[in-house]
Amino acid sequence: MKPVHQERQEKKDLFSAKKPPHTGKIIGLLGVVVAIAVAGFLLIGQGTSDGPATVKAENGYVRMPLKNIDDGQAHFFTFETDKGQIDFFVVKSVDGQIRAAFDACDVCYKERKGYRQSGEFMVCNNCGQQFRTDLINEVKGGCNPAPLARKTENNEVLISQADLLKGGGYFGI
């Protein structure tokens, strides 16, 4: 049997060595919050860590070097107007065509969540519908990405300012 003073000292040592009671819970909760934030960025993010690139029209056209967007990945852009911004994406589809669409659709545009890419599909961030990249600009309406006219000329993709402005309604403009 231990002397009473030794038992007391062992108990004091045990309690003084313990961490504050909520430290583990706080660290665990912080980990969960960070994990949710990262997952949200990956699911709703715009394809790059920097977000969409802001573009401007020159002589009535937004011009993008073809070499910067012909990798099969969706590239997201923001066109600034004096009334607000218009978001769109450009992607080289699985059939090798350069395609463009507003980052909105006829159904879910009011939620302003846009799309993300998953392999050869664009996925609506609001309803989860998937759309093959080779059908962008071919199929319209519903939750399909709203088509955006584009042309390729001199190793550039050109989108007219007038066509961009036609999609302003999707973005409250």
N, C-alpha and C. Protein backbone atom coordinates (compact mmCIF):
# COMPACT_ATOMS: atom_id res chain seq x y z
N MET A 1 0.83 -1.17 0.00
CA MET A 1 0.00 0.00 0.00
C MET A 1 0.88 1.24 0.00
N LYS A 2 0.48 2.25 -0.82
CA LYS A 2 1.25 3.49 -0.92
C LYS A 2 0.87 4.42 0.21
N PRO A 3 1.82 5.22 0.63
CA PRO A 3 1.48 6.24 1.62
C PRO A 3 0.51 7.25 1.01
N VAL A 4 -0.35 7.83 1.84
CA VAL A 4 -1.39 8.76 1.39
C VAL A 4 -0.78 9.94 0.65
N HIS A 5 0.32 10.48 1.13
CA HIS A 5 0.90 11.65 0.49
C HIS A 5 1.44 11.31 -0.92
N GLN A 6 1.88 10.06 -1.11
CA GLN A 6 2.36 9.65 -2.43
C GLN A 6 1.19 9.52 -3.42
N GLU A 7 0.04 8.99 -2.95
CA GLU A 7 -1.15 8.88 -3.81
C GLU A 7 -1.64 10.27 -4.23
N ARG A 8 -1.63 11.20 -3.25
CA ARG A 8 -2.07 12.56 -3.56
C ARG A 8 -1.16 13.21 -4.60
N GLN A 9 0.13 13.01 -4.44
CA GLN A 9 1.09 13.59 -5.38
C GLN A 9 0.91 13.00 -6.78
N GLU A 10 0.64 11.70 -6.86
CA GLU A 10 0.43 11.06 -8.16
C GLU A 10 -0.83 11.62 -8.84
N LYS A 11 -1.88 11.85 -8.05
CA LYS A 11 -3.11 12.42 -8.60
C LYS A 11 -2.86 13.85 -9.09
N LYS A 12 -2.12 14.65 -8.31
CA LYS A 12 -1.80 16.01 -8.72
C LYS A 12 -1.00 16.00 -10.01
N ASP A 13 -0.03 15.12 -10.09
CA ASP A 13 0.79 15.03 -11.30
C ASP A 13 -0.05 14.62 -12.51
N LEU A 14 -0.98 13.70 -12.28
CA LEU A 14 -1.84 13.23 -13.36
C LEU A 14 -2.70 14.37 -13.89
N PHE A 15 -3.31 15.14 -13.01
CA PHE A 15 -4.19 16.24 -13.43
C PHE A 15 -3.41 17.41 -14.01
N SER A 16 -2.27 17.72 -13.49
CA SER A 16 -1.50 18.85 -14.01
C SER A 16 -0.88 18.53 -15.37
N ALA A 17 -0.69 17.27 -15.69
CA ALA A 17 -0.11 16.87 -16.97
C ALA A 17 -1.16 16.79 -18.08
N LYS A 18 -2.44 16.78 -17.73
CA LYS A 18 -3.50 16.66 -18.73
C LYS A 18 -3.65 17.97 -19.51
N LYS A 19 -4.05 17.80 -20.78
CA LYS A 19 -4.36 18.95 -21.62
C LYS A 19 -5.72 19.48 -21.19
N PRO A 20 -6.00 20.73 -21.53
CA PRO A 20 -7.34 21.25 -21.24
C PRO A 20 -8.38 20.31 -21.87
N PRO A 21 -9.51 20.15 -21.24
CA PRO A 21 -10.48 19.12 -21.65
C PRO A 21 -11.01 19.26 -23.07
N HIS A 22 -11.05 20.45 -23.67
CA HIS A 22 -11.66 20.62 -24.99
C HIS A 22 -10.65 20.74 -26.12
N THR A 23 -9.38 20.68 -25.85
CA THR A 23 -8.37 20.89 -26.88
C THR A 23 -8.53 19.90 -28.03
N GLY A 24 -8.66 18.65 -27.75
CA GLY A 24 -8.82 17.63 -28.79
C GLY A 24 -10.06 17.85 -29.62
N LYS A 25 -11.16 18.23 -28.98
CA LYS A 25 -12.41 18.47 -29.69
C LYS A 25 -12.28 19.68 -30.61
N ILE A 26 -11.62 20.73 -30.13
CA ILE A 26 -11.45 21.95 -30.94
C ILE A 26 -10.60 21.65 -32.16
N ILE A 27 -9.51 20.94 -31.97
CA ILE A 27 -8.63 20.60 -33.09
C ILE A 27 -9.37 19.70 -34.08
N GLY A 28 -10.14 18.75 -33.59
CA GLY A 28 -10.93 17.88 -34.47
C GLY A 28 -11.97 18.67 -35.25
N LEU A 29 -12.66 19.60 -34.60
CA LEU A 29 -13.65 20.44 -35.26
C LEU A 29 -13.00 21.33 -36.30
N LEU A 30 -11.85 21.89 -35.98
CA LEU A 30 -11.12 22.72 -36.93
C LEU A 30 -10.74 21.90 -38.16
N GLY A 31 -10.31 20.67 -37.96
CA GLY A 31 -9.98 19.79 -39.08
C GLY A 31 -11.17 19.53 -39.97
N VAL A 32 -12.33 19.33 -39.38
CA VAL A 32 -13.56 19.10 -40.15
C VAL A 32 -13.92 20.35 -40.96
N VAL A 33 -13.81 21.52 -40.36
CA VAL A 33 -14.13 22.77 -41.05
C VAL A 33 -13.19 22.97 -42.24
N VAL A 34 -11.91 22.74 -42.05
CA VAL A 34 -10.95 22.88 -43.15
C VAL A 34 -11.26 21.87 -44.26
N ALA A 35 -11.58 20.64 -43.91
CA ALA A 35 -11.90 19.61 -44.90
C ALA A 35 -13.13 20.01 -45.71
N ILE A 36 -14.14 20.55 -45.06
CA ILE A 36 -15.36 20.98 -45.75
C ILE A 36 -15.05 22.14 -46.69
N ALA A 37 -14.24 23.08 -46.23
CA ALA A 37 -13.88 24.22 -47.07
C ALA A 37 -13.12 23.77 -48.31
N VAL A 38 -12.18 22.87 -48.15
CA VAL A 38 -11.42 22.36 -49.29
C VAL A 38 -12.33 21.60 -50.25
N ALA A 39 -13.21 20.76 -49.72
CA ALA A 39 -14.13 20.01 -50.57
C ALA A 39 -15.05 20.97 -51.33
N GLY A 40 -15.53 22.01 -50.67
CA GLY A 40 -16.38 22.99 -51.33
C GLY A 40 -15.66 23.69 -52.46
N PHE A 41 -14.41 24.04 -52.25
CA PHE A 41 -13.62 24.67 -53.30
C PHE A 41 -13.47 23.74 -54.49
N LEU A 42 -13.18 22.47 -54.23
CA LEU A 42 -12.98 21.51 -55.31
C LEU A 42 -14.27 21.26 -56.08
N LEU A 43 -15.39 21.25 -55.39
CA LEU A 43 -16.66 20.98 -56.06
C LEU A 43 -17.22 22.18 -56.80
N ILE A 44 -17.03 23.36 -56.25
CA ILE A 44 -17.66 24.54 -56.82
C ILE A 44 -16.62 25.46 -57.45
N GLY A 45 -15.38 25.19 -57.24
CA GLY A 45 -14.32 26.02 -57.75
C GLY A 45 -14.38 26.16 -59.25
N GLN A 46 -13.64 27.09 -59.84
CA GLN A 46 -13.71 27.40 -61.24
C GLN A 46 -12.59 26.78 -62.04
N GLY A 47 -11.98 25.72 -61.57
CA GLY A 47 -10.99 25.04 -62.36
C GLY A 47 -9.57 25.46 -62.11
N THR A 48 -9.37 26.59 -61.47
CA THR A 48 -8.02 26.99 -61.11
C THR A 48 -8.05 27.51 -59.70
N SER A 49 -6.89 27.51 -59.07
CA SER A 49 -6.83 28.02 -57.70
C SER A 49 -7.04 29.53 -57.66
N ASP A 50 -6.81 30.18 -58.82
CA ASP A 50 -6.97 31.64 -58.87
C ASP A 50 -8.38 32.06 -59.26
N GLY A 51 -9.22 31.11 -59.65
CA GLY A 51 -10.57 31.44 -60.09
C GLY A 51 -10.58 31.84 -61.55
N PRO A 52 -11.72 32.34 -62.02
CA PRO A 52 -11.83 32.69 -63.44
C PRO A 52 -10.95 33.89 -63.79
N ALA A 53 -10.42 33.87 -65.01
CA ALA A 53 -9.62 34.99 -65.50
C ALA A 53 -10.56 36.08 -66.00
N THR A 54 -10.25 37.31 -65.73
CA THR A 54 -11.04 38.43 -66.23
C THR A 54 -10.54 38.80 -67.61
N VAL A 55 -11.47 38.93 -68.55
CA VAL A 55 -11.12 39.25 -69.93
C VAL A 55 -11.81 40.54 -70.35
N LYS A 56 -11.22 41.19 -71.35
CA LYS A 56 -11.77 42.43 -71.91
C LYS A 56 -11.90 42.28 -73.41
N ALA A 57 -12.81 43.03 -73.99
CA ALA A 57 -12.97 43.03 -75.44
C ALA A 57 -12.10 44.13 -76.04
N GLU A 58 -11.47 43.80 -77.16
CA GLU A 58 -10.73 44.77 -77.95
C GLU A 58 -11.29 44.72 -79.36
N ASN A 59 -11.67 45.87 -79.88
CA ASN A 59 -12.27 45.94 -81.22
C ASN A 59 -13.47 45.00 -81.33
N GLY A 60 -14.25 44.90 -80.26
CA GLY A 60 -15.48 44.14 -80.29
C GLY A 60 -15.35 42.65 -80.00
N TYR A 61 -14.13 42.16 -79.72
CA TYR A 61 -13.92 40.73 -79.48
C TYR A 61 -13.04 40.48 -78.26
N VAL A 62 -13.39 39.41 -77.54
CA VAL A 62 -12.50 38.85 -76.54
C VAL A 62 -11.64 37.84 -77.29
N ARG A 63 -10.33 37.96 -77.14
CA ARG A 63 -9.40 37.07 -77.86
C ARG A 63 -8.61 36.24 -76.85
N MET A 64 -8.55 34.94 -77.10
CA MET A 64 -7.81 34.03 -76.22
C MET A 64 -6.89 33.17 -77.08
N PRO A 65 -5.60 33.13 -76.76
CA PRO A 65 -4.70 32.27 -77.53
C PRO A 65 -5.16 30.82 -77.46
N LEU A 66 -5.27 30.18 -78.60
CA LEU A 66 -5.71 28.79 -78.68
C LEU A 66 -4.82 27.87 -77.86
N LYS A 67 -3.52 28.12 -77.85
CA LYS A 67 -2.60 27.25 -77.13
C LYS A 67 -2.86 27.23 -75.62
N ASN A 68 -3.53 28.27 -75.11
CA ASN A 68 -3.83 28.34 -73.67
C ASN A 68 -5.08 27.57 -73.27
N ILE A 69 -5.88 27.17 -74.26
CA ILE A 69 -7.15 26.52 -73.91
C ILE A 69 -7.41 25.23 -74.66
N ASP A 70 -6.41 24.66 -75.32
CA ASP A 70 -6.66 23.45 -76.11
C ASP A 70 -6.19 22.18 -75.40
N ASP A 71 -6.23 22.19 -74.07
CA ASP A 71 -5.74 21.06 -73.28
C ASP A 71 -6.85 20.11 -72.81
N GLY A 72 -8.08 20.35 -73.23
CA GLY A 72 -9.18 19.49 -72.80
C GLY A 72 -9.78 19.87 -71.46
N GLN A 73 -9.20 20.87 -70.82
CA GLN A 73 -9.71 21.36 -69.53
C GLN A 73 -10.61 22.56 -69.77
N ALA A 74 -11.66 22.68 -68.99
CA ALA A 74 -12.52 23.86 -69.08
C ALA A 74 -11.78 25.05 -68.47
N HIS A 75 -11.79 26.15 -69.19
CA HIS A 75 -11.16 27.39 -68.72
C HIS A 75 -12.27 28.40 -68.51
N PHE A 76 -12.32 28.95 -67.31
CA PHE A 76 -13.41 29.84 -66.92
C PHE A 76 -12.95 31.29 -66.99
N PHE A 77 -13.87 32.16 -67.45
CA PHE A 77 -13.56 33.56 -67.65
C PHE A 77 -14.70 34.43 -67.13
N THR A 78 -14.35 35.65 -66.80
CA THR A 78 -15.32 36.66 -66.40
C THR A 78 -15.14 37.87 -67.32
N PHE A 79 -16.23 38.27 -67.94
CA PHE A 79 -16.25 39.46 -68.78
C PHE A 79 -16.93 40.56 -67.99
N GLU A 80 -16.20 41.62 -67.70
CA GLU A 80 -16.73 42.73 -66.90
C GLU A 80 -17.48 43.71 -67.80
N THR A 81 -18.67 44.10 -67.37
CA THR A 81 -19.43 45.15 -68.05
C THR A 81 -19.67 46.26 -67.04
N ASP A 82 -20.19 47.37 -67.50
CA ASP A 82 -20.49 48.46 -66.56
C ASP A 82 -21.68 48.12 -65.66
N LYS A 83 -22.43 47.06 -65.99
CA LYS A 83 -23.59 46.65 -65.18
C LYS A 83 -23.33 45.42 -64.33
N GLY A 84 -22.19 44.76 -64.53
CA GLY A 84 -21.89 43.54 -63.79
C GLY A 84 -21.01 42.62 -64.61
N GLN A 85 -20.89 41.40 -64.15
CA GLN A 85 -20.01 40.47 -64.84
C GLN A 85 -20.79 39.32 -65.48
N ILE A 86 -20.22 38.82 -66.57
CA ILE A 86 -20.78 37.70 -67.31
C ILE A 86 -19.73 36.60 -67.29
N ASP A 87 -20.10 35.44 -66.78
CA ASP A 87 -19.16 34.33 -66.66
C ASP A 87 -19.38 33.32 -67.78
N PHE A 88 -18.29 32.79 -68.31
CA PHE A 88 -18.37 31.78 -69.36
C PHE A 88 -17.17 30.86 -69.27
N PHE A 89 -17.25 29.77 -70.01
CA PHE A 89 -16.11 28.87 -70.09
C PHE A 89 -15.87 28.45 -71.53
N VAL A 90 -14.62 28.06 -71.78
CA VAL A 90 -14.20 27.55 -73.09
C VAL A 90 -13.52 26.22 -72.83
N VAL A 91 -13.81 25.22 -73.65
CA VAL A 91 -13.23 23.90 -73.47
C VAL A 91 -13.00 23.25 -74.84
N LYS A 92 -11.89 22.56 -74.98
CA LYS A 92 -11.69 21.72 -76.16
C LYS A 92 -12.34 20.39 -75.83
N SER A 93 -13.39 20.05 -76.56
CA SER A 93 -14.18 18.85 -76.24
C SER A 93 -13.47 17.60 -76.71
N VAL A 94 -14.02 16.46 -76.32
CA VAL A 94 -13.41 15.17 -76.65
C VAL A 94 -13.34 14.92 -78.15
N ASP A 95 -14.14 15.62 -78.95
CA ASP A 95 -14.08 15.47 -80.40
C ASP A 95 -13.11 16.46 -81.05
N GLY A 96 -12.37 17.21 -80.20
CA GLY A 96 -11.35 18.12 -80.71
C GLY A 96 -11.83 19.52 -81.05
N GLN A 97 -13.10 19.81 -80.85
CA GLN A 97 -13.65 21.13 -81.16
C GLN A 97 -13.52 22.07 -79.96
N ILE A 98 -13.29 23.34 -80.25
CA ILE A 98 -13.30 24.36 -79.20
C ILE A 98 -14.75 24.78 -79.03
N ARG A 99 -15.22 24.73 -77.79
CA ARG A 99 -16.62 25.05 -77.50
C ARG A 99 -16.66 26.10 -76.39
N ALA A 100 -17.72 26.89 -76.40
CA ALA A 100 -17.88 27.94 -75.39
C ALA A 100 -19.33 27.96 -74.92
N ALA A 101 -19.50 28.30 -73.65
CA ALA A 101 -20.85 28.41 -73.09
C ALA A 101 -20.82 29.37 -71.92
N PHE A 102 -21.96 29.96 -71.66
CA PHE A 102 -22.10 30.77 -70.46
C PHE A 102 -22.01 29.83 -69.26
N ASP A 103 -21.50 30.30 -68.17
CA ASP A 103 -21.40 29.47 -66.96
C ASP A 103 -22.75 29.52 -66.24
N ALA A 104 -23.80 29.15 -67.01
CA ALA A 104 -25.18 29.22 -66.54
C ALA A 104 -26.05 28.42 -67.50
N CYS A 105 -27.28 28.14 -67.06
CA CYS A 105 -28.22 27.44 -67.92
C CYS A 105 -29.61 28.06 -67.75
N ASP A 106 -30.55 27.62 -68.57
CA ASP A 106 -31.91 28.16 -68.53
C ASP A 106 -32.66 27.81 -67.25
N VAL A 107 -32.26 26.73 -66.57
CA VAL A 107 -32.99 26.26 -65.40
C VAL A 107 -32.38 26.78 -64.10
N CYS A 108 -31.10 26.57 -63.91
CA CYS A 108 -30.47 26.83 -62.61
C CYS A 108 -29.74 28.17 -62.51
N TYR A 109 -29.82 29.02 -63.53
CA TYR A 109 -29.03 30.25 -63.55
C TYR A 109 -29.27 31.15 -62.34
N LYS A 110 -30.48 31.13 -61.79
CA LYS A 110 -30.77 32.01 -60.64
C LYS A 110 -29.95 31.66 -59.41
N GLU A 111 -29.48 30.42 -59.33
CA GLU A 111 -28.65 30.00 -58.20
C GLU A 111 -27.22 30.49 -58.33
N ARG A 112 -26.81 30.86 -59.54
CA ARG A 112 -25.47 31.40 -59.83
C ARG A 112 -24.34 30.48 -59.36
N LYS A 113 -24.50 29.19 -59.62
CA LYS A 113 -23.48 28.22 -59.22
C LYS A 113 -22.64 27.73 -60.38
N GLY A 114 -23.12 27.86 -61.60
CA GLY A 114 -22.34 27.49 -62.77
C GLY A 114 -22.03 26.00 -62.87
N TYR A 115 -20.92 25.70 -63.52
CA TYR A 115 -20.52 24.34 -63.82
C TYR A 115 -19.11 24.05 -63.33
N ARG A 116 -18.79 22.77 -63.28
CA ARG A 116 -17.43 22.30 -63.04
C ARG A 116 -17.19 21.18 -64.03
N GLN A 117 -15.94 20.86 -64.26
CA GLN A 117 -15.63 19.78 -65.19
C GLN A 117 -15.32 18.51 -64.43
N SER A 118 -15.80 17.40 -64.96
CA SER A 118 -15.48 16.08 -64.44
C SER A 118 -15.17 15.20 -65.65
N GLY A 119 -13.90 15.07 -65.98
CA GLY A 119 -13.50 14.31 -67.16
C GLY A 119 -14.04 14.94 -68.42
N GLU A 120 -14.78 14.18 -69.21
CA GLU A 120 -15.32 14.71 -70.46
C GLU A 120 -16.74 15.27 -70.29
N PHE A 121 -17.11 15.57 -69.05
CA PHE A 121 -18.43 16.11 -68.76
C PHE A 121 -18.33 17.46 -68.05
N MET A 122 -19.29 18.32 -68.32
CA MET A 122 -19.50 19.52 -67.52
C MET A 122 -20.68 19.18 -66.60
N VAL A 123 -20.54 19.53 -65.32
CA VAL A 123 -21.52 19.15 -64.31
C VAL A 123 -22.11 20.43 -63.71
N CYS A 124 -23.42 20.51 -63.67
CA CYS A 124 -24.10 21.65 -63.05
C CYS A 124 -23.86 21.60 -61.54
N ASN A 125 -23.33 22.68 -60.99
CA ASN A 125 -23.07 22.74 -59.55
C ASN A 125 -24.33 22.87 -58.71
N ASN A 126 -25.47 23.13 -59.35
CA ASN A 126 -26.71 23.24 -58.61
C ASN A 126 -27.47 21.92 -58.57
N CYS A 127 -27.70 21.32 -59.72
CA CYS A 127 -28.55 20.11 -59.76
C CYS A 127 -27.77 18.82 -60.02
N GLY A 128 -26.50 18.93 -60.39
CA GLY A 128 -25.69 17.74 -60.60
C GLY A 128 -25.82 17.09 -61.97
N GLN A 129 -26.65 17.65 -62.86
CA GLN A 129 -26.77 17.10 -64.22
C GLN A 129 -25.42 17.15 -64.92
N GLN A 130 -25.11 16.14 -65.74
CA GLN A 130 -23.85 16.06 -66.48
C GLN A 130 -24.11 16.22 -67.97
N PHE A 131 -23.17 16.91 -68.63
CA PHE A 131 -23.31 17.18 -70.06
C PHE A 131 -21.98 16.92 -70.75
N ARG A 132 -22.01 16.08 -71.77
CA ARG A 132 -20.78 15.77 -72.51
C ARG A 132 -20.22 17.03 -73.15
N THR A 133 -18.92 17.18 -73.11
CA THR A 133 -18.31 18.39 -73.67
C THR A 133 -18.54 18.49 -75.17
N ASP A 134 -18.67 17.37 -75.87
CA ASP A 134 -18.87 17.43 -77.32
C ASP A 134 -20.29 17.83 -77.71
N LEU A 135 -21.17 18.01 -76.73
CA LEU A 135 -22.53 18.47 -77.02
C LEU A 135 -22.74 19.94 -76.64
N ILE A 136 -21.72 20.56 -76.07
CA ILE A 136 -21.82 21.99 -75.75
C ILE A 136 -21.89 22.75 -77.07
N ASN A 137 -22.77 23.71 -77.17
CA ASN A 137 -23.10 24.49 -78.36
C ASN A 137 -23.98 23.72 -79.33
N GLU A 138 -24.17 22.43 -79.11
CA GLU A 138 -25.00 21.61 -79.99
C GLU A 138 -26.41 21.45 -79.41
N VAL A 139 -26.48 21.21 -78.10
CA VAL A 139 -27.75 21.00 -77.42
C VAL A 139 -28.03 22.24 -76.57
N LYS A 140 -29.25 22.76 -76.69
CA LYS A 140 -29.61 23.98 -75.95
C LYS A 140 -30.81 23.70 -75.05
N GLY A 141 -31.00 24.60 -74.11
CA GLY A 141 -32.19 24.56 -73.26
C GLY A 141 -32.04 23.65 -72.06
N GLY A 142 -33.02 23.74 -71.19
CA GLY A 142 -32.97 22.96 -69.96
C GLY A 142 -31.76 23.33 -69.14
N CYS A 143 -31.09 22.33 -68.61
CA CYS A 143 -29.93 22.58 -67.77
C CYS A 143 -28.62 22.47 -68.55
N ASN A 144 -28.70 22.36 -69.88
CA ASN A 144 -27.49 22.36 -70.70
C ASN A 144 -26.78 23.71 -70.57
N PRO A 145 -25.45 23.72 -70.59
CA PRO A 145 -24.76 25.01 -70.58
C PRO A 145 -25.27 25.88 -71.73
N ALA A 146 -25.63 27.11 -71.43
CA ALA A 146 -26.18 28.02 -72.45
C ALA A 146 -25.11 28.33 -73.49
N PRO A 147 -25.37 28.00 -74.77
CA PRO A 147 -24.36 28.16 -75.81
C PRO A 147 -23.89 29.60 -75.98
N LEU A 148 -22.62 29.72 -76.33
CA LEU A 148 -21.99 31.01 -76.59
C LEU A 148 -21.25 30.89 -77.92
N ALA A 149 -21.61 31.74 -78.89
CA ALA A 149 -20.97 31.70 -80.20
C ALA A 149 -19.49 32.02 -80.05
N ARG A 150 -18.68 31.32 -80.85
CA ARG A 150 -17.24 31.55 -80.85
C ARG A 150 -16.71 31.17 -82.22
N LYS A 151 -15.52 31.66 -82.53
CA LYS A 151 -14.86 31.24 -83.75
C LYS A 151 -13.36 31.17 -83.48
N THR A 152 -12.69 30.38 -84.30
CA THR A 152 -11.24 30.23 -84.18
C THR A 152 -10.62 30.85 -85.42
N GLU A 153 -9.65 31.73 -85.17
CA GLU A 153 -9.02 32.46 -86.27
C GLU A 153 -7.60 32.83 -85.86
N ASN A 154 -6.63 32.58 -86.73
CA ASN A 154 -5.23 32.94 -86.46
C ASN A 154 -4.74 32.44 -85.10
N ASN A 155 -5.02 31.18 -84.79
CA ASN A 155 -4.60 30.57 -83.52
C ASN A 155 -5.16 31.27 -82.29
N GLU A 156 -6.33 31.87 -82.47
CA GLU A 156 -7.03 32.51 -81.35
C GLU A 156 -8.49 32.08 -81.36
N VAL A 157 -9.07 32.04 -80.17
CA VAL A 157 -10.51 31.86 -80.05
C VAL A 157 -11.08 33.25 -79.86
N LEU A 158 -12.07 33.59 -80.67
CA LEU A 158 -12.68 34.91 -80.60
C LEU A 158 -14.14 34.78 -80.20
N ILE A 159 -14.54 35.59 -79.25
CA ILE A 159 -15.94 35.66 -78.82
C ILE A 159 -16.32 37.13 -78.88
N SER A 160 -17.40 37.42 -79.59
CA SER A 160 -17.77 38.83 -79.76
C SER A 160 -18.39 39.38 -78.48
N GLN A 161 -18.11 40.65 -78.26
CA GLN A 161 -18.67 41.35 -77.11
C GLN A 161 -20.19 41.34 -77.19
N ALA A 162 -20.74 41.48 -78.38
CA ALA A 162 -22.20 41.49 -78.56
C ALA A 162 -22.80 40.15 -78.13
N ASP A 163 -22.13 39.04 -78.49
CA ASP A 163 -22.64 37.73 -78.08
C ASP A 163 -22.54 37.54 -76.57
N LEU A 164 -21.48 38.03 -75.97
CA LEU A 164 -21.36 37.95 -74.51
C LEU A 164 -22.48 38.73 -73.84
N LEU A 165 -22.77 39.92 -74.33
CA LEU A 165 -23.81 40.75 -73.73
C LEU A 165 -25.19 40.13 -73.85
N LYS A 166 -25.40 39.28 -74.88
CA LYS A 166 -26.69 38.59 -75.02
C LYS A 166 -26.97 37.66 -73.86
N GLY A 167 -25.93 37.22 -73.15
CA GLY A 167 -26.11 36.33 -72.00
C GLY A 167 -26.24 37.05 -70.68
N GLY A 168 -26.32 38.36 -70.71
CA GLY A 168 -26.40 39.15 -69.48
C GLY A 168 -27.56 38.77 -68.57
N GLY A 169 -28.66 38.33 -69.14
CA GLY A 169 -29.83 37.96 -68.33
C GLY A 169 -29.55 36.83 -67.35
N TYR A 170 -28.64 35.94 -67.71
CA TYR A 170 -28.27 34.85 -66.81
C TYR A 170 -27.58 35.36 -65.55
N PHE A 171 -27.04 36.57 -65.63
CA PHE A 171 -26.24 37.11 -64.54
C PHE A 171 -26.85 38.38 -63.94
N GLY A 172 -28.12 38.59 -64.20
CA GLY A 172 -28.82 39.73 -63.62
C GLY A 172 -28.48 41.06 -64.26
N ILE A 173 -28.04 41.02 -65.49
CA ILE A 173 -27.66 42.27 -66.19
C ILE A 173 -28.73 42.62 -67.21
